[in-house]
Amino acid sequence: MASRTSRSKAEHATAAIRPIVRVTPHEVHIKDSNYYDEIYASGKRRREKDAILVAQFDLKGSAFSSVTPEEHRQKRSNLEKHFSKQSVTNMEHLIHENIDKLDQHFKRAYESHKAVTLDAGFAGLTSDVIHKYAYGINSGNLDHEEFNEKVRDGINGLFKFGHISYFFPIIQTVMKSLPLEWLEKIDPFVYALRISKENVTHQTKEFLGGKSSNSKPRPIMEIITGSDMPEHLRQLEGLSNDGFSLVLGGTETTARALTIAAFRLISNENMRKKLREELRTVMPTPDSRPTWSQLEQLPYLSGVVSEALRLSTGIASRSPRIAPTEALLYKDYTIPPGTRVSQTNYFVLTDPEIFPDPHAFDPDRWLRAAAKGERLDRFMVQFSKGTRNCLGMNLAYAELFLVLAAFVRRFDMELFETTEKQIAFVRDFGTPYPDEGNTTVRATVTGVIKE
């Protein structure tokens, strides 16, 4: 069997011969890392989303499902100030509170000599953080002994259902009309999805009705449903779908990046020791609470975070853009206005011309590049680019830096019944999945660091 590196070289060699392919009657895919910014352009260059693509997720009226840039700008503007770097910095305490809860799980696992499911723990943390930040409620995942995965099951249900609903959108209508007890028996994942959406809709409806969360600071959804907002932006369907989009985007993708980083750090003692020594400069004791800003200054930790994001890829599927009034030029090809054009994040993030030995988790590649004055970050497309890049990228970065710092500085672990197969990107369900099940990493806690 060919190695992943040799397969990657073969993939990119083939792409060098035929980098542009018509993948559907209406869509062209271009596999060229240097052309990404042309497709996902920002500024005055108009780009629209594919209406059929956004319909598959049943998020009508949300910023995510907006097709035109005008509609998207109007809806996103109410949300994005809450995800600025300063806003996320102001809520670091919320991330620390949930790290403390996760740490208690690890300590109990150490005392009881039981394996802990890291991916479930990380998803529990990211889910609890975004629920509290967006709605002022504790979704309670980390309060369960084995982590409550109902929200995560709903997210996985949406992703795994996505390809079917793309071709048969009427199935969504059928699923929404079925009694819950039927749906639970037919498809537990879709059942969990519907429960999650109904909970979010209920909470949004209460805010629209004037109910206060009594949380300080006020949660995002309470603010954007306020009576001082324009009436056309205070529609239940759009706002509840905006809220669910935050839950979707704020849970699984960041948890996958944390899981991949944890797997690699546990697997490589030298890497773990090197990172721990660097962390001691800002965490003199395991209980130290460095800020995100302090951790960002650590070059090796920054390399670990970058590799985790690069190899987790963000979304797995193509996300085409349409230039409605502009003909795009690629080499000798002229792409007519109105054509769907796409690239795939995975191909950019594993391009061997940019990232040699692309499937290796190598934090030092970022230090070597910096020493040469190379900017690898311009090819970090896991959050997409342009005006529709990921709204929550600052929150994701803060969680990655803070969680990984605590994880490495406070605990030693060994993998338990886990191989690379369980984190491999084999299936595309919107986000990367292994051949079977979900991305899963189990470990035993072999030590709680005291100094």
Protein backbone atom coordinates (compact mmCIF):
# COMPACT_ATOMS: atom_id res chain seq x y z
CA MET A 1 0.00 0.00 0.00
CA ALA A 2 1.34 3.44 -0.89
CA SER A 3 2.23 5.77 1.97
CA ARG A 4 0.28 8.97 2.51
CA THR A 5 3.31 10.98 1.47
CA SER A 6 3.69 9.11 -1.83
CA ARG A 7 -0.06 9.39 -2.43
CA SER A 8 0.15 13.11 -1.77
CA LYS A 9 2.97 13.49 -4.28
CA ALA A 10 0.98 11.51 -6.84
CA GLU A 11 -2.12 13.64 -6.21
CA HIS A 12 -0.24 16.88 -6.69
CA ALA A 13 1.68 15.57 -9.71
CA THR A 14 -1.63 14.70 -11.36
CA ALA A 15 -2.97 18.14 -10.47
CA ALA A 16 0.07 19.78 -12.05
CA ILE A 17 -0.91 18.15 -15.34
CA ARG A 18 -4.64 18.88 -15.05
CA PRO A 19 -5.15 21.44 -12.28
CA ILE A 20 -8.53 22.56 -13.62
CA VAL A 21 -11.40 20.08 -13.84
CA ARG A 22 -15.09 20.48 -14.58
CA VAL A 23 -16.51 18.47 -11.68
CA THR A 24 -20.20 19.09 -12.42
CA PRO A 25 -22.01 20.64 -15.39
CA HIS A 26 -21.96 23.96 -13.53
CA GLU A 27 -18.79 23.84 -11.44
CA VAL A 28 -15.05 24.04 -12.09
CA HIS A 29 -12.51 22.89 -9.50
CA ILE A 30 -9.01 24.38 -9.58
CA LYS A 31 -6.23 22.66 -7.67
CA ASP A 32 -3.68 25.44 -7.41
CA SER A 33 -2.73 26.82 -4.01
CA ASN A 34 -1.66 30.15 -5.47
CA TYR A 35 -5.11 30.69 -7.02
CA TYR A 36 -7.10 30.32 -3.79
CA ASP A 37 -7.30 34.07 -3.10
CA GLU A 38 -8.71 34.64 -6.57
CA ILE A 39 -11.69 32.38 -5.93
CA TYR A 40 -12.28 33.44 -2.33
CA ALA A 41 -11.64 37.11 -2.98
CA SER A 42 -12.47 39.96 -0.65
CA GLY A 43 -12.99 43.67 -1.01
CA LYS A 44 -14.88 44.98 -4.02
CA ARG A 45 -14.61 41.79 -6.05
CA ARG A 46 -18.10 40.36 -5.82
CA ARG A 47 -18.43 36.72 -4.82
CA GLU A 48 -21.67 34.85 -4.17
CA LYS A 49 -22.40 31.49 -2.59
CA ASP A 50 -24.08 28.58 -4.33
CA ALA A 51 -27.78 28.67 -3.34
CA ILE A 52 -28.11 24.91 -3.73
CA LEU A 53 -25.13 24.27 -1.47
CA VAL A 54 -26.36 26.43 1.42
CA ALA A 55 -29.85 24.92 1.21
CA GLN A 56 -28.56 21.49 2.22
CA PHE A 57 -27.96 22.61 5.81
CA ASP A 58 -31.47 24.02 6.33
CA LEU A 59 -30.24 27.26 7.92
CA LYS A 60 -32.65 29.64 6.19
CA GLY A 61 -32.29 33.32 6.98
CA SER A 62 -28.89 32.97 8.64
CA ALA A 63 -25.68 34.75 7.71
CA PHE A 64 -24.25 31.38 6.65
CA SER A 65 -27.02 30.78 4.12
CA SER A 66 -26.86 34.27 2.59
CA VAL A 67 -26.14 34.07 -1.13
CA THR A 68 -25.40 37.69 -2.02
CA PRO A 69 -22.63 39.73 -0.36
CA GLU A 70 -25.11 42.48 0.57
CA GLU A 71 -27.36 40.10 2.50
CA HIS A 72 -24.38 38.41 4.10
CA ARG A 73 -22.78 41.70 5.17
CA GLN A 74 -26.00 42.89 6.79
CA LYS A 75 -26.51 39.72 8.81
CA ARG A 76 -22.88 39.06 9.69
CA SER A 77 -22.26 42.61 10.92
CA ASN A 78 -24.48 41.96 13.94
CA LEU A 79 -22.37 38.97 14.93
CA GLU A 80 -18.76 39.63 14.01
CA LYS A 81 -18.01 42.33 16.59
CA HIS A 82 -18.66 39.70 19.25
CA PHE A 83 -15.89 37.55 17.76
CA SER A 84 -13.22 40.21 17.39
CA LYS A 85 -9.91 39.48 19.06
CA GLN A 86 -10.68 41.94 21.84
CA SER A 87 -14.12 40.45 22.48
CA VAL A 88 -12.69 36.93 22.70
CA THR A 89 -9.88 38.15 24.96
CA ASN A 90 -12.51 39.60 27.28
CA MET A 91 -14.14 36.18 27.71
CA GLU A 92 -10.98 34.12 28.30
CA HIS A 93 -12.21 33.44 31.83
CA LEU A 94 -15.02 31.34 30.32
CA ILE A 95 -12.50 29.14 28.50
CA HIS A 96 -10.42 28.78 31.68
CA GLU A 97 -13.51 27.76 33.68
CA ASN A 98 -14.20 24.95 31.24
CA ILE A 99 -10.53 23.91 31.14
CA ASP A 100 -10.75 23.51 34.93
CA LYS A 101 -13.77 21.22 34.48
CA LEU A 102 -11.98 19.14 31.86
CA ASP A 103 -8.93 18.91 34.12
CA GLN A 104 -11.12 17.38 36.83
CA HIS A 105 -12.14 14.65 34.39
CA PHE A 106 -8.46 13.93 33.70
CA LYS A 107 -7.61 13.83 37.41
CA ARG A 108 -10.47 11.42 38.14
CA ALA A 109 -9.35 9.23 35.25
CA TYR A 110 -5.84 9.17 36.74
CA GLU A 111 -7.12 8.18 40.18
CA SER A 112 -9.46 5.49 38.83
CA HIS A 113 -7.02 4.18 36.20
CA LYS A 114 -9.71 4.53 33.53
CA ALA A 115 -9.25 5.64 29.94
CA VAL A 116 -10.63 9.03 28.95
CA THR A 117 -12.10 9.84 25.54
CA LEU A 118 -10.24 13.00 24.60
CA ASP A 119 -12.27 13.90 21.51
CA ALA A 120 -15.50 13.82 23.56
CA GLY A 121 -13.88 15.92 26.27
CA PHE A 122 -12.64 18.53 23.83
CA ALA A 123 -16.02 18.65 22.05
CA GLY A 124 -17.70 19.00 25.43
CA LEU A 125 -15.49 21.97 26.23
CA THR A 126 -15.95 23.76 22.91
CA SER A 127 -19.70 23.13 23.01
CA ASP A 128 -20.07 24.41 26.58
CA VAL A 129 -18.04 27.53 25.75
CA ILE A 130 -20.03 28.50 22.66
CA HIS A 131 -23.40 27.78 24.32
CA LYS A 132 -22.49 29.99 27.27
CA TYR A 133 -21.07 32.75 25.07
CA ALA A 134 -23.96 32.73 22.62
CA TYR A 135 -26.91 31.96 24.90
CA GLY A 136 -25.75 32.43 28.47
CA ILE A 137 -26.55 28.82 29.33
CA ASN A 138 -24.40 25.88 30.32
CA SER A 139 -25.02 23.01 27.92
CA GLY A 140 -23.61 20.75 30.62
CA ASN A 141 -21.41 18.47 28.54
CA LEU A 142 -18.50 18.65 30.97
CA ASP A 143 -20.82 18.14 33.95
CA HIS A 144 -21.48 14.56 32.85
CA GLU A 145 -19.17 11.80 34.04
CA GLU A 146 -18.63 10.43 30.52
CA PHE A 147 -19.34 13.75 28.75
CA ASN A 148 -22.76 14.45 27.28
CA GLU A 149 -22.45 13.99 23.52
CA LYS A 150 -26.04 14.84 22.50
CA VAL A 151 -25.11 18.21 21.00
CA ARG A 152 -22.16 16.63 19.22
CA ASP A 153 -24.38 13.82 17.93
CA GLY A 154 -26.67 16.46 16.45
CA ILE A 155 -23.77 18.17 14.70
CA ASN A 156 -22.47 14.88 13.32
CA GLY A 157 -26.01 14.08 12.24
CA LEU A 158 -26.18 17.26 10.19
CA PHE A 159 -22.80 16.68 8.55
CA LYS A 160 -23.45 13.02 7.74
CA PHE A 161 -26.90 13.86 6.40
CA GLY A 162 -25.58 16.75 4.30
CA HIS A 163 -24.68 14.92 1.09
CA ILE A 164 -28.10 13.25 0.95
CA SER A 165 -30.00 16.48 1.62
CA TYR A 166 -27.98 18.24 -1.10
CA PHE A 167 -29.54 15.99 -3.75
CA PHE A 168 -32.86 15.39 -2.00
CA PRO A 169 -33.69 18.53 0.03
CA ILE A 170 -37.29 17.37 0.48
CA ILE A 171 -36.00 14.80 2.99
CA GLN A 172 -35.41 17.66 5.44
CA THR A 173 -39.10 18.57 5.27
CA VAL A 174 -40.06 14.95 5.86
CA MET A 175 -37.69 14.59 8.81
CA LYS A 176 -39.01 17.79 10.43
CA SER A 177 -42.59 16.54 10.14
CA LEU A 178 -42.00 13.15 11.77
CA PRO A 179 -42.87 12.63 15.45
CA LEU A 180 -39.74 12.68 17.58
CA GLU A 181 -40.26 9.13 18.87
CA TRP A 182 -40.31 7.86 15.27
CA LEU A 183 -37.26 9.87 14.30
CA GLU A 184 -35.30 8.55 17.28
CA LYS A 185 -35.81 4.99 16.02
CA ILE A 186 -35.19 5.79 12.33
CA ASP A 187 -31.99 7.82 12.77
CA PRO A 188 -30.63 8.70 16.24
CA PHE A 189 -28.19 11.24 14.77
CA VAL A 190 -30.90 13.17 12.91
CA TYR A 191 -33.04 12.93 16.04
CA ALA A 192 -30.22 14.52 18.07
CA LEU A 193 -29.88 17.21 15.39
CA ARG A 194 -33.55 18.09 15.58
CA ILE A 195 -33.52 18.22 19.38
CA SER A 196 -30.51 20.56 19.27
CA LYS A 197 -32.18 22.86 16.76
CA GLU A 198 -35.45 22.92 18.70
CA ASN A 199 -33.59 23.85 21.89
CA VAL A 200 -31.81 26.71 20.14
CA THR A 201 -35.08 27.91 18.58
CA HIS A 202 -36.78 27.89 21.99
CA GLN A 203 -33.97 29.91 23.58
CA THR A 204 -34.01 32.42 20.72
CA LYS A 205 -37.78 32.78 20.99
CA GLU A 206 -37.48 33.57 24.69
CA PHE A 207 -34.94 36.32 23.98
CA LEU A 208 -37.19 37.79 21.29
CA GLY A 209 -39.97 37.82 23.88
CA GLY A 210 -37.86 39.96 26.18
CA LYS A 211 -36.58 37.34 28.60
CA SER A 212 -33.24 38.20 30.20
CA SER A 213 -30.50 35.62 30.71
CA ASN A 214 -29.21 37.49 33.79
CA SER A 215 -25.71 36.63 32.53
CA LYS A 216 -22.84 39.10 32.72
CA PRO A 217 -21.75 39.95 30.14
CA ARG A 218 -24.95 39.57 28.17
CA PRO A 219 -24.82 36.66 25.70
CA ILE A 220 -24.60 37.33 21.98
CA MET A 221 -28.09 36.12 21.10
CA GLU A 222 -29.69 38.24 23.81
CA ILE A 223 -28.02 41.32 22.35
CA ILE A 224 -28.90 40.71 18.69
CA THR A 225 -32.53 39.87 19.50
CA GLY A 226 -32.99 43.09 21.48
CA SER A 227 -35.83 45.49 20.75
CA ASP A 228 -33.32 48.13 19.67
CA MET A 229 -32.37 46.02 16.63
CA PRO A 230 -34.05 46.66 13.24
CA GLU A 231 -37.27 44.66 13.01
CA HIS A 232 -36.33 42.94 9.74
CA LEU A 233 -33.33 41.42 11.53
CA ARG A 234 -35.44 40.18 14.46
CA GLN A 235 -36.96 37.17 12.70
CA LEU A 236 -37.12 33.94 14.68
CA GLU A 237 -36.08 31.58 11.87
CA GLY A 238 -33.02 33.55 10.79
CA LEU A 239 -31.86 34.31 14.33
CA SER A 240 -32.31 30.77 15.60
CA ASN A 241 -30.41 29.49 12.57
CA ASP A 242 -27.66 32.03 13.24
CA GLY A 243 -27.48 30.67 16.77
CA PHE A 244 -27.34 27.09 15.58
CA SER A 245 -24.62 28.06 13.08
CA LEU A 246 -22.55 29.34 16.00
CA VAL A 247 -23.01 26.04 17.83
CA LEU A 248 -22.12 24.07 14.69
CA GLY A 249 -19.05 26.11 13.85
CA GLY A 250 -17.92 26.43 17.45
CA THR A 251 -17.91 22.77 18.44
CA GLU A 252 -16.65 20.01 16.17
CA THR A 253 -13.98 21.66 13.99
CA THR A 254 -12.05 23.09 16.95
CA ALA A 255 -12.48 19.84 18.88
CA ARG A 256 -11.01 17.91 15.94
CA ALA A 257 -7.96 20.20 15.84
CA LEU A 258 -7.46 19.72 19.60
CA THR A 259 -7.83 15.96 19.20
CA ILE A 260 -5.23 15.76 16.44
CA ALA A 261 -2.79 17.87 18.46
CA ALA A 262 -3.33 15.70 21.55
CA PHE A 263 -2.78 12.50 19.57
CA ARG A 264 0.50 13.78 18.12
CA LEU A 265 1.79 15.18 21.41
CA ILE A 266 1.01 12.00 23.32
CA SER A 267 2.66 9.94 20.57
CA ASN A 268 5.88 11.96 20.53
CA GLU A 269 7.65 12.33 23.87
CA ASN A 270 10.36 14.65 22.53
CA MET A 271 7.77 17.00 21.06
CA ARG A 272 5.81 17.00 24.31
CA LYS A 273 8.91 17.69 26.42
CA LYS A 274 10.03 20.51 24.15
CA LEU A 275 6.63 22.16 24.37
CA ARG A 276 6.44 21.71 28.14
CA GLU A 277 9.80 23.39 28.64
CA GLU A 278 8.67 26.34 26.54
CA LEU A 279 5.41 26.55 28.51
CA ARG A 280 7.32 26.78 31.80
CA THR A 281 8.41 30.30 30.77
CA VAL A 282 4.82 31.55 31.12
CA MET A 283 3.46 28.75 33.35
CA PRO A 284 6.00 28.42 36.19
CA THR A 285 3.55 26.11 37.98
CA PRO A 286 0.98 23.77 36.43
CA ASP A 287 -1.82 25.89 37.91
CA SER A 288 -0.58 29.09 36.24
CA ARG A 289 -3.13 30.80 34.00
CA PRO A 290 -1.34 32.52 31.13
CA THR A 291 -3.32 34.71 28.79
CA TRP A 292 -3.94 33.91 25.15
CA SER A 293 -1.76 36.91 24.30
CA GLN A 294 1.15 35.48 26.31
CA LEU A 295 0.81 32.04 24.75
CA GLU A 296 0.75 33.45 21.22
CA GLN A 297 4.30 34.69 21.78
CA LEU A 298 5.62 31.14 22.21
CA PRO A 299 7.01 29.99 18.84
CA TYR A 300 6.87 26.24 19.39
CA LEU A 301 3.33 26.27 20.81
CA SER A 302 2.31 28.46 17.87
CA GLY A 303 3.77 25.82 15.56
CA VAL A 304 1.79 23.09 17.33
CA VAL A 305 -1.43 25.08 16.95
CA SER A 306 -0.72 25.77 13.28
CA GLU A 307 -0.04 22.10 12.56
CA ALA A 308 -3.21 21.07 14.40
CA LEU A 309 -5.27 23.46 12.29
CA ARG A 310 -3.49 22.54 9.07
CA LEU A 311 -3.99 18.80 9.48
CA SER A 312 -7.56 19.11 10.74
CA THR A 313 -8.35 21.06 7.49
CA GLY A 314 -11.51 22.81 8.72
CA ILE A 315 -14.20 21.82 6.24
CA ALA A 316 -13.58 18.86 3.96
CA SER A 317 -16.03 19.57 1.15
CA ARG A 318 -15.71 21.97 -1.74
CA SER A 319 -17.28 25.36 -1.04
CA PRO A 320 -17.74 27.00 -4.44
CA ARG A 321 -17.98 30.72 -5.11
CA ILE A 322 -19.63 32.47 -8.01
CA ALA A 323 -18.30 35.64 -9.66
CA PRO A 324 -21.61 36.85 -11.18
CA THR A 325 -20.22 39.73 -13.25
CA GLU A 326 -16.53 38.86 -13.64
CA ALA A 327 -14.81 36.42 -15.97
CA LEU A 328 -12.04 34.68 -14.04
CA LEU A 329 -8.76 33.96 -15.78
CA TYR A 330 -6.74 30.88 -14.93
CA LYS A 331 -3.71 30.23 -17.13
CA ASP A 332 -5.12 29.80 -20.64
CA TYR A 333 -8.68 29.35 -19.42
CA THR A 334 -11.40 31.97 -19.23
CA ILE A 335 -14.14 31.04 -16.78
CA PRO A 336 -17.44 32.74 -17.69
CA PRO A 337 -19.32 34.88 -15.15
CA GLY A 338 -21.85 32.91 -13.13
CA THR A 339 -19.77 29.71 -13.02
CA ARG A 340 -19.29 27.94 -9.70
CA VAL A 341 -15.56 27.74 -8.98
CA SER A 342 -14.01 25.91 -6.04
CA GLN A 343 -10.87 24.71 -4.34
CA THR A 344 -10.54 22.13 -1.58
CA ASN A 345 -8.85 23.18 1.65
CA TYR A 346 -7.17 19.80 2.05
CA PHE A 347 -5.21 20.15 -1.19
CA VAL A 348 -3.81 23.56 -0.20
CA LEU A 349 -3.01 22.49 3.36
CA THR A 350 -1.17 19.36 2.16
CA ASP A 351 0.53 20.86 -0.87
CA PRO A 352 4.09 19.41 -0.77
CA GLU A 353 5.44 22.45 -2.62
CA ILE A 354 4.42 24.58 0.36
CA PHE A 355 4.51 22.06 3.21
CA PRO A 356 7.22 19.43 2.51
CA ASP A 357 6.30 16.03 3.95
CA PRO A 358 2.80 17.48 4.27
CA HIS A 359 1.21 14.76 6.41
CA ALA A 360 3.90 14.99 9.10
CA PHE A 361 2.92 16.87 12.26
CA ASP A 362 5.99 19.11 12.38
CA PRO A 363 5.74 22.27 14.53
CA ASP A 364 9.36 23.10 13.68
CA ARG A 365 8.42 23.75 10.04
CA TRP A 366 6.92 27.05 11.22
CA LEU A 367 10.10 28.05 13.04
CA ARG A 368 12.23 27.15 10.01
CA ALA A 369 9.95 29.15 7.72
CA ALA A 370 10.04 32.18 10.03
CA ALA A 371 13.85 32.06 10.11
CA LYS A 372 13.86 32.21 6.30
CA GLY A 373 11.30 35.01 6.19
CA GLU A 374 8.70 32.74 4.58
CA ARG A 375 5.01 33.34 5.34
CA LEU A 376 3.35 29.95 5.42
CA ASP A 377 0.30 31.49 7.08
CA ARG A 378 -0.93 32.85 3.75
CA PHE A 379 -1.68 29.25 2.78
CA MET A 380 -3.56 28.47 5.99
CA VAL A 381 -7.02 28.24 4.50
CA GLN A 382 -8.73 26.09 7.15
CA PHE A 383 -10.92 29.10 8.02
CA SER A 384 -11.42 29.94 4.33
CA LYS A 385 -10.65 33.47 3.12
CA GLY A 386 -12.38 36.57 1.89
CA THR A 387 -15.44 38.23 3.39
CA ARG A 388 -16.97 34.84 4.25
CA ASN A 389 -14.08 33.48 6.26
CA CYS A 390 -14.90 31.74 9.54
CA LEU A 391 -16.62 34.10 11.96
CA GLY A 392 -15.28 32.31 15.03
CA MET A 393 -11.63 31.92 14.10
CA ASN A 394 -10.42 34.07 17.03
CA LEU A 395 -12.39 31.94 19.47
CA ALA A 396 -10.91 28.80 17.90
CA TYR A 397 -7.37 30.15 18.26
CA ALA A 398 -7.94 31.16 21.88
CA GLU A 399 -9.31 27.71 22.74
CA LEU A 400 -6.44 25.93 21.01
CA PHE A 401 -3.73 27.95 22.73
CA LEU A 402 -5.29 27.85 26.20
CA VAL A 403 -6.46 24.22 26.16
CA LEU A 404 -3.24 22.76 24.72
CA ALA A 405 -1.09 24.75 27.15
CA ALA A 406 -3.01 23.36 30.13
CA PHE A 407 -3.12 19.85 28.65
CA VAL A 408 0.64 19.58 28.16
CA ARG A 409 1.73 21.48 31.29
CA ARG A 410 -0.51 19.53 33.67
CA PHE A 411 -0.74 15.92 32.49
CA ASP A 412 1.15 12.95 31.07
CA MET A 413 -0.86 10.47 29.03
CA GLU A 414 -0.54 7.33 26.93
CA LEU A 415 -2.76 6.34 24.04
CA PHE A 416 -5.30 3.61 24.79
CA GLU A 417 -6.68 1.39 22.02
CA THR A 418 -6.13 4.23 19.54
CA THR A 419 -4.20 4.26 16.28
CA GLU A 420 -3.69 6.81 13.56
CA LYS A 421 -6.57 5.18 11.70
CA GLN A 422 -9.00 6.82 14.12
CA ILE A 423 -7.91 10.37 13.26
CA ALA A 424 -7.30 9.84 9.52
CA PHE A 425 -9.24 11.89 6.98
CA VAL A 426 -10.88 9.20 4.85
CA ARG A 427 -14.48 10.33 4.44
CA ASP A 428 -15.89 13.73 3.56
CA PHE A 429 -19.07 14.51 5.48
CA GLY A 430 -18.62 18.27 5.32
CA THR A 431 -15.81 17.93 7.85
CA PRO A 432 -13.19 15.14 7.83
CA TYR A 433 -14.12 11.75 9.25
CA PRO A 434 -12.21 8.47 9.55
CA ASP A 435 -13.30 5.35 7.71
CA GLU A 436 -15.65 4.35 10.52
CA GLY A 437 -17.37 6.41 13.19
CA ASN A 438 -16.10 9.79 14.39
CA THR A 439 -12.59 11.07 15.06
CA THR A 440 -11.75 9.32 18.34
CA VAL A 441 -8.72 9.36 20.63
CA ARG A 442 -8.69 7.53 23.97
CA ALA A 443 -5.89 7.81 26.49
CA THR A 444 -4.92 6.85 30.02
CA VAL A 445 -3.62 9.57 32.33
CA THR A 446 -0.26 8.34 33.57
CA GLY A 447 0.73 11.38 35.58
CA VAL A 448 -0.51 14.64 37.08
CA ILE A 449 2.38 17.09 37.01
CA LYS A 450 3.06 18.80 40.35
CA GLU A 451 5.77 21.30 39.41
